[in-house]
Amino acid sequence: MTYKEWMTATAARFGLNAAEVELILVNQAGAIPDPLAEVDTTTAKRALCAEFATLIPLANVSEGGYSVSWNFEAIKFWYNQTCSELGITPQGKPTVKNRSNLW
């Protein structure tokens, strides 16, 4: 499986289309120079976490009798689990810093 195939399959759970997957791969070209190379899941997950802010849907859609909503708890759970697995501090999570040397 290639990076592009892995990213497409994984991002499909978030409702992303092929153009958005291409955008992620272009933005993460430093981490994934060849999208058609054999996938290293750790590298692919790091790239997806780095682009996670672009994955979150901005609004729920409700039009006529049609409605789309997102399970934000599941999305946050996936993100936090993946960051924890990779040893990354999730964005937006407060961090404690030692400021004792400023006293």
Protein backbone atom coordinates (compact mmCIF):
# COMPACT_ATOMS: atom_id res chain seq x y z
CA MET A 1 0.00 0.00 0.00
CA THR A 2 1.31 3.46 -0.89
CA TYR A 3 1.15 6.66 1.16
CA LYS A 4 -1.52 8.01 -1.16
CA GLU A 5 -3.69 4.89 -0.81
CA TRP A 6 -3.26 4.84 2.97
CA MET A 7 -4.01 8.55 3.29
CA THR A 8 -7.08 8.23 1.03
CA ALA A 9 -8.47 5.28 2.99
CA THR A 10 -7.82 6.88 6.38
CA ALA A 11 -9.03 10.35 5.42
CA ALA A 12 -12.24 8.90 3.94
CA ARG A 13 -13.42 8.38 7.53
CA PHE A 14 -13.33 12.16 7.92
CA GLY A 15 -15.20 12.79 4.66
CA LEU A 16 -12.19 14.08 2.71
CA ASN A 17 -12.08 13.78 -1.05
CA ALA A 18 -9.14 13.03 -3.34
CA ALA A 19 -8.25 16.71 -3.84
CA GLU A 20 -7.97 17.24 -0.08
CA VAL A 21 -5.75 14.16 0.25
CA GLU A 22 -3.52 15.58 -2.51
CA LEU A 23 -3.33 18.87 -0.60
CA ILE A 24 -2.23 17.05 2.56
CA LEU A 25 0.44 15.16 0.62
CA VAL A 26 1.71 18.38 -0.96
CA ASN A 27 1.79 20.16 2.40
CA GLN A 28 3.70 17.23 3.92
CA ALA A 29 6.17 16.80 1.05
CA GLY A 30 9.06 17.15 3.51
CA ALA A 31 7.87 14.12 5.46
CA ILE A 32 6.51 12.19 2.46
CA PRO A 33 8.61 13.04 -0.61
CA ASP A 34 7.12 10.24 -2.75
CA PRO A 35 3.37 9.60 -2.23
CA LEU A 36 3.63 6.43 -4.34
CA ALA A 37 6.29 4.85 -2.11
CA GLU A 38 5.53 1.97 0.24
CA VAL A 39 3.80 3.39 3.33
CA ASP A 40 5.46 3.67 6.73
CA THR A 41 2.43 4.06 8.99
CA THR A 42 4.29 6.07 11.63
CA THR A 43 5.36 8.66 9.05
CA ALA A 44 1.88 8.72 7.51
CA LYS A 45 0.21 9.19 10.92
CA ARG A 46 2.62 12.02 11.78
CA ALA A 47 1.78 13.76 8.51
CA LEU A 48 -1.96 13.33 9.10
CA CYS A 49 -1.68 14.69 12.65
CA ALA A 50 0.30 17.67 11.37
CA GLU A 51 -2.53 18.47 8.95
CA PHE A 52 -5.32 17.60 11.38
CA ALA A 53 -6.58 21.17 11.73
CA THR A 54 -7.50 21.12 8.03
CA LEU A 55 -9.44 17.88 8.49
CA ILE A 56 -11.92 19.12 11.06
CA PRO A 57 -15.17 20.13 9.39
CA LEU A 58 -15.96 23.79 9.91
CA ALA A 59 -19.75 23.51 10.12
CA ASN A 60 -22.58 21.04 10.14
CA VAL A 61 -24.67 21.04 6.97
CA SER A 62 -28.44 21.06 7.14
CA GLU A 63 -30.45 21.78 4.03
CA GLY A 64 -34.01 20.82 3.26
CA GLY A 65 -34.48 17.27 4.53
CA TYR A 66 -30.77 16.52 4.27
CA SER A 67 -28.44 16.82 7.26
CA VAL A 68 -24.79 16.01 7.85
CA SER A 69 -23.23 16.05 11.29
CA TRP A 70 -19.91 14.89 12.67
CA ASN A 71 -19.11 12.89 15.77
CA PHE A 72 -16.60 15.35 17.18
CA GLU A 73 -15.94 13.20 20.25
CA ALA A 74 -14.81 10.34 17.99
CA ILE A 75 -12.67 12.70 15.90
CA LYS A 76 -11.00 14.12 19.02
CA PHE A 77 -10.53 10.60 20.40
CA TRP A 78 -8.81 9.44 17.19
CA TYR A 79 -6.56 12.52 17.15
CA ASN A 80 -5.58 12.21 20.83
CA GLN A 81 -4.98 8.45 20.52
CA THR A 82 -2.80 8.91 17.44
CA CYS A 83 -0.80 11.74 19.05
CA SER A 84 -0.35 9.65 22.19
CA GLU A 85 0.81 6.67 20.10
CA LEU A 86 3.37 8.86 18.31
CA GLY A 87 4.52 10.76 21.41
CA ILE A 88 3.24 14.09 20.05
CA THR A 89 1.58 16.73 22.21
CA PRO A 90 -1.81 17.43 20.61
CA GLN A 91 -2.29 20.97 19.34
CA GLY A 92 -4.46 23.08 21.59
CA LYS A 93 -3.60 21.01 24.65
CA PRO A 94 -2.01 23.12 27.40
CA THR A 95 1.56 22.32 28.33
CA VAL A 96 3.29 23.04 31.63
CA LYS A 97 6.56 24.90 31.33
CA ASN A 98 9.15 25.48 34.03
CA ARG A 99 9.33 29.24 34.58
CA SER A 100 11.07 29.07 37.97
CA ASN A 101 14.25 30.63 36.55
CA LEU A 102 12.36 33.90 35.96
CA TRP A 103 11.91 34.51 39.72
